[in-house]
């Protein structure tokens, strides 16, 4: 993998192979993860067609 840090504070993790995204039944190769500093969003790019899903760290992952 390769980590790219931007001046804006955003970051990107480019994944070349070996990491998969799973929904419990199916697994997809993970291509890239983009982290957005201001919004707290994570953009997951996966599968051979580069499907994307956005999740928010505060709202979706750190729920009380």
PDB file of N, CA and C in Angstrom:
ATOM      1  N   UNK A   1       0.833  -1.178   0.000  1.00  0.00           N
ATOM      2  CA  UNK A   1       0.000   0.000   0.000  1.00  0.00           C
ATOM      3  C   UNK A   1       0.874   1.237   0.000  1.00  0.00           C
ATOM      4  N   UNK A   2       0.259   2.377  -0.309  1.00  0.00           N
ATOM      5  CA  UNK A   2       0.962   3.654  -0.378  1.00  0.00           C
ATOM      6  C   UNK A   2       0.088   4.702   0.301  1.00  0.00           C
ATOM      7  N   UNK A   3       0.674   5.483   1.200  1.00  0.00           N
ATOM      8  CA  UNK A   3      -0.057   6.541   1.893  1.00  0.00           C
ATOM      9  C   UNK A   3       0.336   7.882   1.292  1.00  0.00           C
ATOM     10  N   UNK A   4      -0.673   8.681   0.949  1.00  0.00           N
ATOM     11  CA  UNK A   4      -0.443  10.009   0.396  1.00  0.00           C
ATOM     12  C   UNK A   4      -1.110  11.017   1.322  1.00  0.00           C
ATOM     13  N   UNK A   5      -0.326  11.974   1.837  1.00  0.00           N
ATOM     14  CA  UNK A   5      -0.864  13.034   2.694  1.00  0.00           C
ATOM     15  C   UNK A   5      -0.913  14.326   1.884  1.00  0.00           C
ATOM     16  N   UNK A   6      -2.039  15.020   1.955  1.00  0.00           N
ATOM     17  CA  UNK A   6      -2.227  16.257   1.212  1.00  0.00           C
ATOM     18  C   UNK A   6      -2.096  17.458   2.139  1.00  0.00           C
ATOM     19  N   UNK A   7      -1.758  18.626   1.594  1.00  0.00           N
ATOM     20  CA  UNK A   7      -1.607  19.849   2.379  1.00  0.00           C
ATOM     21  C   UNK A   7      -2.891  20.222   3.109  1.00  0.00           C
ATOM     22  N   UNK A   8      -4.019  19.836   2.563  1.00  0.00           N
ATOM     23  CA  UNK A   8      -5.322  20.150   3.162  1.00  0.00           C
ATOM     24  C   UNK A   8      -5.575  19.387   4.460  1.00  0.00           C
ATOM     25  N   UNK A   9      -4.756  18.370   4.717  1.00  0.00           N
ATOM     26  CA  UNK A   9      -4.974  17.513   5.876  1.00  0.00           C
ATOM     27  C   UNK A   9      -5.662  16.217   5.506  1.00  0.00           C
ATOM     28  N   UNK A  10      -6.163  16.130   4.280  1.00  0.00           N
ATOM     29  CA  UNK A  10      -6.767  14.895   3.788  1.00  0.00           C
ATOM     30  C   UNK A  10      -5.671  13.876   3.523  1.00  0.00           C
ATOM     31  N   UNK A  11      -6.041  12.618   3.435  1.00  0.00           N
ATOM     32  CA  UNK A  11      -5.066  11.559   3.167  1.00  0.00           C
ATOM     33  C   UNK A  11      -5.709  10.485   2.304  1.00  0.00           C
ATOM     34  N   UNK A  12      -4.861   9.746   1.616  1.00  0.00           N
ATOM     35  CA  UNK A  12      -5.316   8.650   0.769  1.00  0.00           C
ATOM     36  C   UNK A  12      -4.418   7.448   1.024  1.00  0.00           C
ATOM     37  N   UNK A  13      -5.031   6.288   1.142  1.00  0.00           N
ATOM     38  CA  UNK A  13      -4.284   5.037   1.259  1.00  0.00           C
ATOM     39  C   UNK A  13      -4.598   4.236   0.006  1.00  0.00           C
ATOM     40  N   UNK A  14      -3.609   4.077  -0.854  1.00  0.00           N
ATOM     41  CA  UNK A  14      -3.777   3.311  -2.084  1.00  0.00           C
ATOM     42  C   UNK A  14      -3.355   1.875  -1.808  1.00  0.00           C
ATOM     43  N   UNK A  15      -4.233   0.938  -2.108  1.00  0.00           N
ATOM     44  CA  UNK A  15      -4.005  -0.469  -1.789  1.00  0.00           C
ATOM     45  C   UNK A  15      -3.765  -1.234  -3.076  1.00  0.00           C
ATOM     46  N   UNK A  16      -2.649  -1.929  -3.140  1.00  0.00           N
ATOM     47  CA  UNK A  16      -2.286  -2.640  -4.359  1.00  0.00           C
ATOM     48  C   UNK A  16      -2.823  -4.065  -4.374  1.00  0.00           C
ATOM     49  N   UNK A  17      -2.854  -4.735  -3.244  1.00  0.00           N
ATOM     50  CA  UNK A  17      -3.435  -6.080  -3.169  1.00  0.00           C
ATOM     51  C   UNK A  17      -3.444  -6.560  -1.729  1.00  0.00           C
ATOM     52  N   UNK A  18      -4.286  -7.571  -1.470  1.00  0.00           N
ATOM     53  CA  UNK A  18      -4.250  -8.254  -0.189  1.00  0.00           C
ATOM     54  C   UNK A  18      -5.216  -7.786   0.875  1.00  0.00           C
ATOM     55  N   UNK A  19      -5.968  -6.706   0.641  1.00  0.00           N
ATOM     56  CA  UNK A  19      -6.940  -6.235   1.629  1.00  0.00           C
ATOM     57  C   UNK A  19      -8.316  -6.286   0.987  1.00  0.00           C
ATOM     58  N   UNK A  20      -9.286  -6.836   1.721  1.00  0.00           N
ATOM     59  CA  UNK A  20     -10.633  -6.984   1.175  1.00  0.00           C
ATOM     60  C   UNK A  20     -11.665  -6.309   2.063  1.00  0.00           C
ATOM     61  N   UNK A  21     -12.742  -5.874   1.444  1.00  0.00           N
ATOM     62  CA  UNK A  21     -13.892  -5.287   2.114  1.00  0.00           C
ATOM     63  C   UNK A  21     -14.993  -6.334   2.086  1.00  0.00           C
ATOM     64  N   UNK A  22     -15.588  -6.621   3.246  1.00  0.00           N
ATOM     65  CA  UNK A  22     -16.588  -7.685   3.315  1.00  0.00           C
ATOM     66  C   UNK A  22     -17.878  -7.168   3.932  1.00  0.00           C
ATOM     67  N   UNK A  23     -18.999  -7.668   3.423  1.00  0.00           N
ATOM     68  CA  UNK A  23     -20.294  -7.337   4.013  1.00  0.00           C
ATOM     69  C   UNK A  23     -20.864  -8.530   4.779  1.00  0.00           C
ATOM     70  N   UNK A  24     -20.048  -9.519   5.029  1.00  0.00           N
ATOM     71  CA  UNK A  24     -20.476 -10.715   5.743  1.00  0.00           C
ATOM     72  C   UNK A  24     -20.635 -11.912   4.842  1.00  0.00           C
ATOM     73  N   UNK A  25     -21.174 -11.703   3.651  1.00  0.00           N
ATOM     74  CA  UNK A  25     -21.375 -12.799   2.709  1.00  0.00           C
ATOM     75  C   UNK A  25     -20.374 -12.756   1.564  1.00  0.00           C
ATOM     76  N   UNK A  26     -20.104 -11.561   1.075  1.00  0.00           N
ATOM     77  CA  UNK A  26     -19.212 -11.389  -0.066  1.00  0.00           C
ATOM     78  C   UNK A  26     -18.009 -10.551   0.322  1.00  0.00           C
ATOM     79  N   UNK A  27     -16.900 -10.773  -0.353  1.00  0.00           N
ATOM     80  CA  UNK A  27     -15.693  -9.981  -0.142  1.00  0.00           C
ATOM     81  C   UNK A  27     -15.286  -9.334  -1.453  1.00  0.00           C
ATOM     82  N   UNK A  28     -14.824  -8.104  -1.359  1.00  0.00           N
ATOM     83  CA  UNK A  28     -14.394  -7.355  -2.531  1.00  0.00           C
ATOM     84  C   UNK A  28     -12.993  -6.812  -2.283  1.00  0.00           C
ATOM     85  N   UNK A  29     -12.136  -6.791  -3.301  1.00  0.00           N
ATOM     86  CA  UNK A  29     -10.810  -6.209  -3.117  1.00  0.00           C
ATOM     87  C   UNK A  29     -10.930  -4.700  -2.880  1.00  0.00           C
ATOM     88  N   UNK A  30     -10.224  -4.209  -1.873  1.00  0.00           N
ATOM     89  CA  UNK A  30     -10.223  -2.786  -1.548  1.00  0.00           C
ATOM     90  C   UNK A  30      -9.119  -2.118  -2.349  1.00  0.00           C
ATOM     91  N   UNK A  31      -9.452  -1.044  -3.076  1.00  0.00           N
ATOM     92  CA  UNK A  31      -8.497  -0.355  -3.933  1.00  0.00           C
ATOM     93  C   UNK A  31      -7.888   0.874  -3.273  1.00  0.00           C
ATOM     94  N   UNK A  32      -8.732   1.640  -2.578  1.00  0.00           N
ATOM     95  CA  UNK A  32      -8.266   2.903  -2.016  1.00  0.00           C
ATOM     96  C   UNK A  32      -9.188   3.344  -0.889  1.00  0.00           C
ATOM     97  N   UNK A  33      -8.604   4.025   0.100  1.00  0.00           N
ATOM     98  CA  UNK A  33      -9.369   4.651   1.174  1.00  0.00           C
ATOM     99  C   UNK A  33      -8.957   6.118   1.202  1.00  0.00           C
ATOM    100  N   UNK A  34      -9.928   7.015   1.094  1.00  0.00           N
ATOM    101  CA  UNK A  34      -9.650   8.443   1.196  1.00  0.00           C
ATOM    102  C   UNK A  34     -10.238   8.946   2.501  1.00  0.00           C
ATOM    103  N   UNK A  35      -9.457   9.725   3.242  1.00  0.00           N
ATOM    104  CA  UNK A  35      -9.890  10.278   4.515  1.00  0.00           C
ATOM    105  C   UNK A  35      -9.979  11.793   4.378  1.00  0.00           C
ATOM    106  N   UNK A  36     -11.139  12.352   4.702  1.00  0.00           N
ATOM    107  CA  UNK A  36     -11.358  13.781   4.585  1.00  0.00           C
ATOM    108  C   UNK A  36     -11.373  14.407   5.977  1.00  0.00           C
ATOM    109  N   UNK A  37     -10.394  15.264   6.242  1.00  0.00           N
ATOM    110  CA  UNK A  37     -10.191  15.844   7.566  1.00  0.00           C
ATOM    111  C   UNK A  37     -11.378  16.689   8.037  1.00  0.00           C
ATOM    112  N   UNK A  38     -11.850  17.597   7.212  1.00  0.00           N
ATOM    113  CA  UNK A  38     -12.902  18.532   7.624  1.00  0.00           C
ATOM    114  C   UNK A  38     -14.229  17.847   7.934  1.00  0.00           C
ATOM    115  N   UNK A  39     -14.644  16.935   7.088  1.00  0.00           N
ATOM    116  CA  UNK A  39     -15.961  16.309   7.252  1.00  0.00           C
ATOM    117  C   UNK A  39     -15.932  15.036   8.091  1.00  0.00           C
ATOM    118  N   UNK A  40     -14.749  14.418   8.215  1.00  0.00           N
ATOM    119  CA  UNK A  40     -14.660  13.143   8.916  1.00  0.00           C
ATOM    120  C   UNK A  40     -15.117  11.967   8.071  1.00  0.00           C
ATOM    121  N   UNK A  41     -15.239  12.199   6.754  1.00  0.00           N
ATOM    122  CA  UNK A  41     -15.692  11.142   5.854  1.00  0.00           C
ATOM    123  C   UNK A  41     -14.559  10.209   5.450  1.00  0.00           C
ATOM    124  N   UNK A  42     -14.914   8.957   5.247  1.00  0.00           N
ATOM    125  CA  UNK A  42     -14.036   7.936   4.665  1.00  0.00           C
ATOM    126  C   UNK A  42     -14.690   7.500   3.363  1.00  0.00           C
ATOM    127  N   UNK A  43     -13.954   7.539   2.269  1.00  0.00           N
ATOM    128  CA  UNK A  43     -14.461   7.067   0.989  1.00  0.00           C
ATOM    129  C   UNK A  43     -13.734   5.777   0.657  1.00  0.00           C
ATOM    130  N   UNK A  44     -14.480   4.686   0.571  1.00  0.00           N
ATOM    131  CA  UNK A  44     -13.908   3.374   0.278  1.00  0.00           C
ATOM    132  C   UNK A  44     -14.148   3.049  -1.186  1.00  0.00           C
ATOM    133  N   UNK A  45     -13.072   2.816  -1.925  1.00  0.00           N
ATOM    134  CA  UNK A  45     -13.135   2.439  -3.338  1.00  0.00           C
ATOM    135  C   UNK A  45     -12.791   0.957  -3.400  1.00  0.00           C
ATOM    136  N   UNK A  46     -13.692   0.153  -3.982  1.00  0.00           N
ATOM    137  CA  UNK A  46     -13.487  -1.296  -3.954  1.00  0.00           C
ATOM    138  C   UNK A  46     -13.959  -1.956  -5.236  1.00  0.00           C
ATOM    139  N   UNK A  47     -13.613  -3.198  -5.414  1.00  0.00           N
ATOM    140  CA  UNK A  47     -13.973  -4.078  -6.526  1.00  0.00           C
ATOM    141  C   UNK A  47     -13.320  -3.607  -7.826  1.00  0.00           C
ATOM    142  N   UNK A  48     -13.430  -4.438  -8.845  1.00  0.00           N
ATOM    143  CA  UNK A  48     -12.792  -4.141 -10.128  1.00  0.00           C
ATOM    144  C   UNK A  48     -13.477  -2.998 -10.867  1.00  0.00           C
ATOM    145  N   UNK A  49     -14.750  -2.713 -10.537  1.00  0.00           N
ATOM    146  CA  UNK A  49     -15.453  -1.603 -11.183  1.00  0.00           C
ATOM    147  C   UNK A  49     -15.318  -0.297 -10.402  1.00  0.00           C
ATOM    148  N   UNK A  50     -14.521  -0.303  -9.341  1.00  0.00           N
ATOM    149  CA  UNK A  50     -14.255   0.870  -8.497  1.00  0.00           C
ATOM    150  C   UNK A  50     -15.532   1.448  -7.889  1.00  0.00           C
ATOM    151  N   UNK A  51     -16.397   0.567  -7.405  1.00  0.00           N
ATOM    152  CA  UNK A  51     -17.571   1.011  -6.652  1.00  0.00           C
ATOM    153  C   UNK A  51     -17.082   1.792  -5.442  1.00  0.00           C
ATOM    154  N   UNK A  52     -17.894   2.744  -4.978  1.00  0.00           N
ATOM    155  CA  UNK A  52     -17.493   3.558  -3.840  1.00  0.00           C
ATOM    156  C   UNK A  52     -18.616   3.653  -2.822  1.00  0.00           C
ATOM    157  N   UNK A  53     -18.220   3.722  -1.555  1.00  0.00           N
ATOM    158  CA  UNK A  53     -19.168   3.957  -0.472  1.00  0.00           C
ATOM    159  C   UNK A  53     -18.512   4.953   0.481  1.00  0.00           C
ATOM    160  N   UNK A  54     -19.317   5.916   0.952  1.00  0.00           N
ATOM    161  CA  UNK A  54     -18.808   6.926   1.871  1.00  0.00           C
ATOM    162  C   UNK A  54     -19.422   6.698   3.242  1.00  0.00           C
ATOM    163  N   UNK A  55     -18.593   6.706   4.265  1.00  0.00           N
ATOM    164  CA  UNK A  55     -19.087   6.627   5.638  1.00  0.00           C
ATOM    165  C   UNK A  55     -18.476   7.777   6.427  1.00  0.00           C
ATOM    166  N   UNK A  56     -19.185   8.228   7.430  1.00  0.00           N
ATOM    167  CA  UNK A  56     -18.694   9.308   8.265  1.00  0.00           C
ATOM    168  C   UNK A  56     -18.204   8.728   9.583  1.00  0.00           C
ATOM    169  N   UNK A  57     -16.983   9.080   9.958  1.00  0.00           N
ATOM    170  CA  UNK A  57     -16.390   8.534  11.180  1.00  0.00           C
ATOM    171  C   UNK A  57     -17.229   8.845  12.413  1.00  0.00           C
ATOM    172  N   UNK A  58     -17.710  10.073  12.529  1.00  0.00           N
ATOM    173  CA  UNK A  58     -18.476  10.463  13.715  1.00  0.00           C
ATOM    174  C   UNK A  58     -19.878   9.861  13.706  1.00  0.00           C
ATOM    175  N   UNK A  59     -20.582  10.006  12.607  1.00  0.00           N
ATOM    176  CA  UNK A  59     -21.983   9.581  12.552  1.00  0.00           C
ATOM    177  C   UNK A  59     -22.148   8.072  12.432  1.00  0.00           C
ATOM    178  N   UNK A  60     -21.283   7.427  11.661  1.00  0.00           N
ATOM    179  CA  UNK A  60     -21.468   6.004  11.370  1.00  0.00           C
ATOM    180  C   UNK A  60     -20.626   5.067  12.227  1.00  0.00           C
ATOM    181  N   UNK A  61     -19.430   5.485  12.609  1.00  0.00           N
ATOM    182  CA  UNK A  61     -18.543   4.582  13.344  1.00  0.00           C
ATOM    183  C   UNK A  61     -18.486   4.850  14.837  1.00  0.00           C
ATOM    184  N   UNK A  62     -18.722   6.074  15.251  1.00  0.00           N
ATOM    185  CA  UNK A  62     -18.591   6.414  16.668  1.00  0.00           C
ATOM    186  C   UNK A  62     -19.944   6.662  17.320  1.00  0.00           C
ATOM    187  N   UNK A  63     -20.970   5.962  16.859  1.00  0.00           N
ATOM    188  CA  UNK A  63     -22.309   6.112  17.432  1.00  0.00           C
ATOM    189  C   UNK A  63     -22.305   5.689  18.892  1.00  0.00           C
ATOM    190  N   UNK A  64     -23.087   6.385  19.678  1.00  0.00           N
ATOM    191  CA  UNK A  64     -23.186   6.050  21.104  1.00  0.00           C
ATOM    192  C   UNK A  64     -24.221   4.986  21.309  1.00  0.00           C
TER     193      UNK A  64
END
